[in-house]
N, C-alpha and C. Protein backbone atom coordinates (compact mmCIF):
# COMPACT_ATOMS: atom_id res chain seq x y z
N MET A 1 117.59 90.18 113.89
CA MET A 1 117.05 89.41 112.78
C MET A 1 118.15 89.22 111.74
N ASP A 2 118.04 88.18 111.01
CA ASP A 2 118.99 87.87 109.96
C ASP A 2 118.60 88.61 108.68
N LEU A 3 119.48 89.45 108.19
CA LEU A 3 119.19 90.29 107.03
C LEU A 3 118.87 89.47 105.78
N GLU A 4 119.64 88.45 105.51
CA GLU A 4 119.41 87.64 104.31
C GLU A 4 118.09 86.89 104.38
N GLN A 5 117.74 86.40 105.57
CA GLN A 5 116.45 85.72 105.74
C GLN A 5 115.29 86.69 105.53
N THR A 6 115.45 87.90 106.05
CA THR A 6 114.40 88.91 105.90
C THR A 6 114.23 89.29 104.43
N ARG A 7 115.33 89.47 103.74
CA ARG A 7 115.25 89.79 102.30
C ARG A 7 114.61 88.65 101.51
N ALA A 8 114.93 87.42 101.87
CA ALA A 8 114.36 86.27 101.17
C ALA A 8 112.86 86.15 101.46
N LYS A 9 112.47 86.48 102.67
CA LYS A 9 111.06 86.42 103.06
C LYS A 9 110.23 87.49 102.33
N ASN A 10 110.83 88.65 102.12
CA ASN A 10 110.16 89.78 101.46
C ASN A 10 111.01 90.25 100.28
N PRO A 11 111.00 89.51 99.18
CA PRO A 11 111.89 89.84 98.05
C PRO A 11 111.48 91.13 97.34
N THR A 12 112.42 91.68 96.60
CA THR A 12 112.11 92.83 95.75
C THR A 12 111.06 92.40 94.74
N TYR A 13 110.04 93.21 94.61
CA TYR A 13 108.93 92.89 93.72
C TYR A 13 109.41 92.96 92.26
N THR A 14 108.99 91.99 91.48
CA THR A 14 109.30 91.96 90.05
C THR A 14 108.03 91.66 89.27
N TYR A 15 108.02 92.08 88.02
CA TYR A 15 106.92 91.73 87.12
C TYR A 15 107.50 91.58 85.71
N MET A 16 106.75 90.94 84.86
CA MET A 16 107.18 90.70 83.48
C MET A 16 106.57 91.74 82.56
N LYS A 17 107.40 92.27 81.66
CA LYS A 17 106.92 93.19 80.63
C LYS A 17 107.70 92.91 79.36
N ASP A 18 106.97 92.64 78.29
CA ASP A 18 107.59 92.35 76.99
C ASP A 18 108.64 91.24 77.11
N GLY A 19 108.33 90.24 77.92
CA GLY A 19 109.23 89.10 78.08
C GLY A 19 110.44 89.37 78.95
N LYS A 20 110.47 90.53 79.61
CA LYS A 20 111.62 90.90 80.44
C LYS A 20 111.15 91.09 81.88
N GLU A 21 111.95 90.58 82.82
CA GLU A 21 111.64 90.76 84.23
C GLU A 21 112.08 92.16 84.68
N ILE A 22 111.16 92.89 85.26
CA ILE A 22 111.44 94.24 85.76
C ILE A 22 111.54 94.17 87.28
N GLN A 23 112.67 94.58 87.82
CA GLN A 23 112.88 94.64 89.27
C GLN A 23 112.51 96.03 89.74
N CYS A 24 111.70 96.12 90.77
CA CYS A 24 111.23 97.41 91.28
C CYS A 24 112.17 97.94 92.35
N LEU A 25 113.22 98.59 91.88
CA LEU A 25 114.20 99.20 92.79
C LEU A 25 114.92 100.33 92.09
N ILE A 26 115.39 101.24 92.90
CA ILE A 26 116.29 102.31 92.45
C ILE A 26 117.54 102.16 93.30
N PRO A 27 118.67 101.79 92.69
CA PRO A 27 119.88 101.60 93.49
C PRO A 27 120.42 102.93 94.01
N PHE A 28 121.17 102.86 95.10
CA PHE A 28 121.76 104.06 95.67
C PHE A 28 122.78 104.65 94.71
N SER A 29 122.80 105.96 94.64
CA SER A 29 123.88 106.66 93.95
C SER A 29 124.14 107.96 94.70
N SER A 30 125.35 108.46 94.59
CA SER A 30 125.69 109.70 95.28
C SER A 30 124.97 110.90 94.68
N ASP A 31 124.48 110.78 93.45
CA ASP A 31 123.72 111.87 92.83
C ASP A 31 122.37 112.06 93.50
N ILE A 32 121.66 110.96 93.75
CA ILE A 32 120.31 111.06 94.31
C ILE A 32 120.28 110.91 95.83
N LYS A 33 121.31 110.32 96.41
CA LYS A 33 121.48 110.17 97.85
C LYS A 33 120.40 109.33 98.53
N PHE A 34 119.83 108.38 97.81
CA PHE A 34 118.89 107.45 98.42
C PHE A 34 118.79 106.20 97.57
N ASN A 35 118.17 105.16 98.12
CA ASN A 35 117.77 104.02 97.32
C ASN A 35 116.34 103.67 97.68
N LEU A 36 115.70 102.89 96.82
CA LEU A 36 114.29 102.55 96.99
C LEU A 36 114.07 101.13 96.54
N PHE A 37 113.29 100.39 97.30
CA PHE A 37 112.89 99.03 96.95
C PHE A 37 111.40 98.90 97.14
N ILE A 38 110.75 98.18 96.26
CA ILE A 38 109.37 97.76 96.49
C ILE A 38 109.46 96.28 96.84
N ARG A 39 109.03 95.95 98.04
CA ARG A 39 109.14 94.58 98.54
C ARG A 39 107.77 93.91 98.54
N ASP A 40 107.77 92.62 98.23
CA ASP A 40 106.57 91.81 98.27
C ASP A 40 106.46 91.25 99.69
N MET A 41 105.44 91.67 100.42
CA MET A 41 105.31 91.30 101.83
C MET A 41 104.74 89.90 102.04
N ALA A 42 104.19 89.31 100.98
CA ALA A 42 103.67 87.94 101.05
C ALA A 42 103.79 87.32 99.66
N PRO A 43 105.00 86.90 99.27
CA PRO A 43 105.24 86.43 97.91
C PRO A 43 104.39 85.23 97.50
N ASP A 44 103.91 84.44 98.45
CA ASP A 44 103.08 83.28 98.11
C ASP A 44 101.64 83.68 97.78
N VAL A 45 101.26 84.90 98.13
CA VAL A 45 99.91 85.38 97.89
C VAL A 45 99.91 86.19 96.59
N LYS A 46 99.26 85.66 95.57
CA LYS A 46 99.26 86.33 94.26
C LYS A 46 98.16 87.38 94.14
N LYS A 47 97.04 87.18 94.83
CA LYS A 47 95.94 88.15 94.80
C LYS A 47 95.64 88.58 96.24
N PRO A 48 96.37 89.59 96.71
CA PRO A 48 96.20 90.01 98.11
C PRO A 48 94.81 90.59 98.37
N THR A 49 94.34 90.35 99.59
CA THR A 49 93.05 90.89 100.00
C THR A 49 93.20 91.96 101.09
N ASN A 50 94.43 92.11 101.60
CA ASN A 50 94.66 93.14 102.61
C ASN A 50 96.06 93.71 102.45
N ILE A 51 96.30 94.81 103.10
CA ILE A 51 97.56 95.55 102.94
C ILE A 51 98.78 94.75 103.41
N ASP A 52 98.59 93.86 104.37
CA ASP A 52 99.71 93.06 104.88
C ASP A 52 100.20 92.03 103.87
N GLU A 53 99.38 91.68 102.90
CA GLU A 53 99.75 90.70 101.88
C GLU A 53 100.25 91.36 100.60
N ASN A 54 100.25 92.68 100.55
CA ASN A 54 100.56 93.39 99.32
C ASN A 54 102.02 93.83 99.27
N LEU A 55 102.26 94.99 98.77
CA LEU A 55 103.60 95.51 98.53
C LEU A 55 103.91 96.66 99.47
N CYS A 56 105.20 96.88 99.70
CA CYS A 56 105.64 97.96 100.58
C CYS A 56 106.86 98.63 99.95
N ILE A 57 106.88 99.95 99.96
CA ILE A 57 108.03 100.72 99.48
C ILE A 57 108.94 101.02 100.66
N TYR A 58 110.23 100.79 100.48
CA TYR A 58 111.23 101.13 101.48
C TYR A 58 112.24 102.08 100.85
N MET A 59 112.54 103.17 101.55
CA MET A 59 113.56 104.12 101.11
C MET A 59 114.59 104.29 102.22
N LYS A 60 115.82 104.54 101.80
CA LYS A 60 116.91 104.78 102.74
C LYS A 60 117.83 105.80 102.10
N GLY A 61 118.29 106.78 102.89
CA GLY A 61 119.23 107.73 102.33
C GLY A 61 119.41 108.96 103.18
N ALA A 62 119.89 110.01 102.53
CA ALA A 62 120.14 111.28 103.20
C ALA A 62 118.82 111.83 103.75
N PRO A 63 118.82 112.29 104.99
CA PRO A 63 117.58 112.78 105.59
C PRO A 63 116.85 113.81 104.74
N GLU A 64 117.56 114.73 104.10
CA GLU A 64 116.89 115.76 103.31
C GLU A 64 116.19 115.18 102.08
N ARG A 65 116.60 114.00 101.64
CA ARG A 65 115.96 113.35 100.50
C ARG A 65 114.79 112.47 100.92
N ILE A 66 114.82 111.97 102.12
CA ILE A 66 113.78 111.05 102.60
C ILE A 66 112.68 111.80 103.34
N LEU A 67 113.06 112.60 104.31
CA LEU A 67 112.07 113.21 105.20
C LEU A 67 111.13 114.17 104.50
N SER A 68 111.57 114.79 103.42
CA SER A 68 110.68 115.70 102.68
C SER A 68 109.51 114.96 102.04
N ARG A 69 109.60 113.64 101.96
CA ARG A 69 108.56 112.83 101.34
C ARG A 69 107.65 112.15 102.37
N CYS A 70 107.87 112.46 103.64
CA CYS A 70 107.14 111.77 104.71
C CYS A 70 106.05 112.66 105.31
N SER A 71 104.92 112.04 105.60
CA SER A 71 103.82 112.73 106.27
C SER A 71 103.62 112.19 107.69
N LYS A 72 104.26 111.08 108.00
CA LYS A 72 104.16 110.45 109.32
C LYS A 72 105.57 110.19 109.84
N ILE A 73 105.65 110.04 111.16
CA ILE A 73 106.92 109.69 111.81
C ILE A 73 106.61 108.64 112.87
N LEU A 74 107.54 107.73 113.09
CA LEU A 74 107.36 106.67 114.08
C LEU A 74 107.97 107.14 115.40
N ILE A 75 107.13 107.26 116.43
CA ILE A 75 107.59 107.68 117.75
C ILE A 75 107.08 106.67 118.76
N ASN A 76 108.03 106.05 119.47
CA ASN A 76 107.69 105.01 120.46
C ASN A 76 106.80 103.93 119.85
N GLY A 77 107.10 103.54 118.61
CA GLY A 77 106.38 102.47 117.96
C GLY A 77 105.02 102.86 117.39
N GLU A 78 104.68 104.14 117.41
CA GLU A 78 103.39 104.60 116.92
C GLU A 78 103.58 105.62 115.79
N GLU A 79 102.83 105.45 114.70
CA GLU A 79 102.86 106.42 113.61
C GLU A 79 102.04 107.64 114.01
N VAL A 80 102.68 108.81 113.94
CA VAL A 80 102.00 110.07 114.23
C VAL A 80 102.29 111.04 113.10
N ASP A 81 101.49 112.10 113.00
CA ASP A 81 101.73 113.10 111.97
C ASP A 81 103.11 113.72 112.14
N PHE A 82 103.79 113.91 111.02
CA PHE A 82 105.13 114.51 111.01
C PHE A 82 104.94 116.03 110.93
N THR A 83 104.67 116.61 112.09
CA THR A 83 104.33 118.03 112.18
C THR A 83 105.58 118.90 111.99
N ASP A 84 105.35 120.18 111.85
CA ASP A 84 106.47 121.12 111.74
C ASP A 84 107.36 121.06 112.98
N GLU A 85 106.76 120.83 114.15
CA GLU A 85 107.55 120.72 115.39
C GLU A 85 108.47 119.51 115.33
N TYR A 86 107.95 118.37 114.90
CA TYR A 86 108.78 117.17 114.77
C TYR A 86 109.86 117.36 113.70
N ARG A 87 109.48 118.00 112.61
CA ARG A 87 110.47 118.25 111.54
C ARG A 87 111.62 119.09 112.08
N LYS A 88 111.30 120.12 112.85
CA LYS A 88 112.33 120.98 113.42
C LYS A 88 113.25 120.18 114.35
N GLU A 89 112.64 119.35 115.19
CA GLU A 89 113.41 118.52 116.13
C GLU A 89 114.33 117.56 115.38
N VAL A 90 113.81 116.91 114.35
CA VAL A 90 114.60 115.96 113.57
C VAL A 90 115.72 116.69 112.83
N ASN A 91 115.43 117.84 112.24
CA ASN A 91 116.45 118.60 111.52
C ASN A 91 117.56 119.07 112.46
N GLU A 92 117.20 119.47 113.68
CA GLU A 92 118.21 119.88 114.65
C GLU A 92 119.10 118.71 115.05
N ALA A 93 118.49 117.55 115.26
CA ALA A 93 119.28 116.35 115.61
C ALA A 93 120.20 115.98 114.46
N ASN A 94 119.68 116.03 113.24
CA ASN A 94 120.49 115.73 112.06
C ASN A 94 121.68 116.69 111.98
N SER A 95 121.43 117.95 112.18
CA SER A 95 122.50 118.95 112.14
C SER A 95 123.54 118.70 113.23
N SER A 96 123.08 118.37 114.43
CA SER A 96 123.99 118.12 115.55
C SER A 96 124.90 116.92 115.26
N PHE A 97 124.32 115.84 114.76
CA PHE A 97 125.13 114.67 114.44
C PHE A 97 126.10 114.99 113.30
N GLY A 98 125.63 115.73 112.32
CA GLY A 98 126.49 116.11 111.19
C GLY A 98 127.70 116.92 111.64
N LYS A 99 127.48 117.81 112.58
CA LYS A 99 128.58 118.63 113.09
C LYS A 99 129.61 117.80 113.85
N LEU A 100 129.17 116.65 114.36
CA LEU A 100 130.09 115.74 115.06
C LEU A 100 130.80 114.80 114.08
N GLY A 101 130.50 114.95 112.81
CA GLY A 101 131.12 114.10 111.81
C GLY A 101 130.42 112.77 111.64
N GLU A 102 129.24 112.64 112.21
CA GLU A 102 128.48 111.39 112.11
C GLU A 102 127.71 111.36 110.79
N ARG A 103 127.60 110.19 110.22
CA ARG A 103 126.77 110.00 109.03
C ARG A 103 125.36 109.69 109.49
N VAL A 104 124.40 110.41 108.95
CA VAL A 104 123.01 110.25 109.35
C VAL A 104 122.21 109.70 108.17
N LEU A 105 121.41 108.69 108.43
CA LEU A 105 120.53 108.12 107.42
C LEU A 105 119.09 108.20 107.90
N ALA A 106 118.20 108.37 106.96
CA ALA A 106 116.77 108.32 107.27
C ALA A 106 116.18 107.11 106.55
N PHE A 107 115.14 106.56 107.13
CA PHE A 107 114.47 105.40 106.57
C PHE A 107 112.98 105.70 106.48
N ALA A 108 112.35 105.20 105.45
CA ALA A 108 110.91 105.40 105.29
C ALA A 108 110.30 104.15 104.68
N LYS A 109 109.04 103.95 105.00
CA LYS A 109 108.30 102.86 104.36
C LYS A 109 106.88 103.33 104.12
N TYR A 110 106.28 102.75 103.09
CA TYR A 110 104.88 103.04 102.78
C TYR A 110 104.24 101.77 102.27
N ARG A 111 103.24 101.30 102.98
CA ARG A 111 102.52 100.10 102.58
C ARG A 111 101.51 100.48 101.51
N LEU A 112 101.65 99.87 100.34
CA LEU A 112 100.79 100.23 99.21
C LEU A 112 99.40 99.63 99.36
N PRO A 113 98.37 100.45 99.20
CA PRO A 113 97.00 99.95 99.31
C PRO A 113 96.68 98.93 98.21
N VAL A 114 96.02 97.86 98.58
CA VAL A 114 95.69 96.78 97.64
C VAL A 114 94.77 97.28 96.53
N ASP A 115 93.82 98.15 96.87
CA ASP A 115 92.85 98.59 95.87
C ASP A 115 93.47 99.45 94.78
N LYS A 116 94.56 100.11 95.07
CA LYS A 116 95.21 100.98 94.08
C LYS A 116 96.42 100.34 93.41
N TYR A 117 97.17 99.53 94.16
CA TYR A 117 98.42 98.93 93.66
C TYR A 117 98.45 97.42 93.90
N PRO A 118 97.50 96.67 93.36
CA PRO A 118 97.53 95.22 93.59
C PRO A 118 98.67 94.56 92.82
N LYS A 119 99.23 93.53 93.43
CA LYS A 119 100.29 92.77 92.76
C LYS A 119 99.79 92.26 91.42
N GLY A 120 100.68 92.27 90.45
CA GLY A 120 100.38 91.66 89.16
C GLY A 120 99.56 92.52 88.21
N SER A 121 99.04 93.65 88.69
CA SER A 121 98.23 94.46 87.78
C SER A 121 98.68 95.92 87.73
N TYR A 122 99.79 96.23 88.38
CA TYR A 122 100.32 97.59 88.33
C TYR A 122 101.78 97.53 87.96
N GLU A 123 102.16 98.27 86.92
CA GLU A 123 103.56 98.30 86.49
C GLU A 123 104.26 99.51 87.09
N PHE A 124 105.22 99.24 87.93
CA PHE A 124 106.03 100.30 88.53
C PHE A 124 107.19 100.59 87.60
N ASN A 125 107.16 101.70 86.94
CA ASN A 125 108.21 102.04 86.00
C ASN A 125 109.31 102.81 86.73
N VAL A 126 110.16 102.09 87.45
CA VAL A 126 111.21 102.74 88.21
C VAL A 126 112.32 103.28 87.32
N SER A 127 112.31 102.92 86.05
CA SER A 127 113.34 103.45 85.14
C SER A 127 113.13 104.93 84.87
N THR A 128 111.96 105.45 85.18
CA THR A 128 111.67 106.87 84.92
C THR A 128 111.71 107.70 86.20
N TRP A 129 112.40 107.22 87.23
CA TRP A 129 112.38 107.90 88.52
C TRP A 129 112.82 109.36 88.44
N LYS A 130 113.66 109.71 87.48
CA LYS A 130 114.11 111.10 87.39
C LYS A 130 112.95 112.04 87.07
N GLU A 131 111.90 111.52 86.48
CA GLU A 131 110.73 112.32 86.15
C GLU A 131 109.79 112.46 87.33
N TRP A 132 110.04 111.76 88.42
CA TRP A 132 109.14 111.81 89.58
C TRP A 132 109.38 113.03 90.45
N GLY A 133 110.45 113.79 90.18
CA GLY A 133 110.79 114.91 91.05
C GLY A 133 111.46 114.47 92.34
N MET A 134 111.96 113.24 92.37
CA MET A 134 112.57 112.71 93.59
C MET A 134 113.99 113.20 93.81
N ASN A 135 114.57 113.84 92.83
CA ASN A 135 115.95 114.29 93.03
C ASN A 135 115.99 115.73 93.56
N ALA A 136 114.84 116.29 93.85
CA ALA A 136 114.81 117.64 94.42
C ALA A 136 115.26 117.58 95.87
N LYS A 137 115.89 118.63 96.32
CA LYS A 137 116.35 118.68 97.71
C LYS A 137 115.22 119.04 98.63
């Protein structure tokens, strides 16, 4: 897939506050070891009626920063519970690649429920991310 086309199709979610456009993202930094974007999965739909038309959070970064926030894991295209057994397996693989000098990244996504986080009526204050406890190891 073409990365630029995909980004254009699902742009970073923005909203207006006090006459200023707020972009819902946390850029990568070596201090936090991850980045986060809230993407609009159907920008032409202003009042979504289902989860596919709403917003989705995407995170990318160091496995220890991402995986600690996950309750599910994708295995063979299916979301399953991220059990202690799977966590152990993933941590062992991460350690093995690290010992080989490989850089390992983890990716996560969470589709925001329409009833709790509808577009246009929820302000994501990403400027306060340090207060979310997301910088914990």
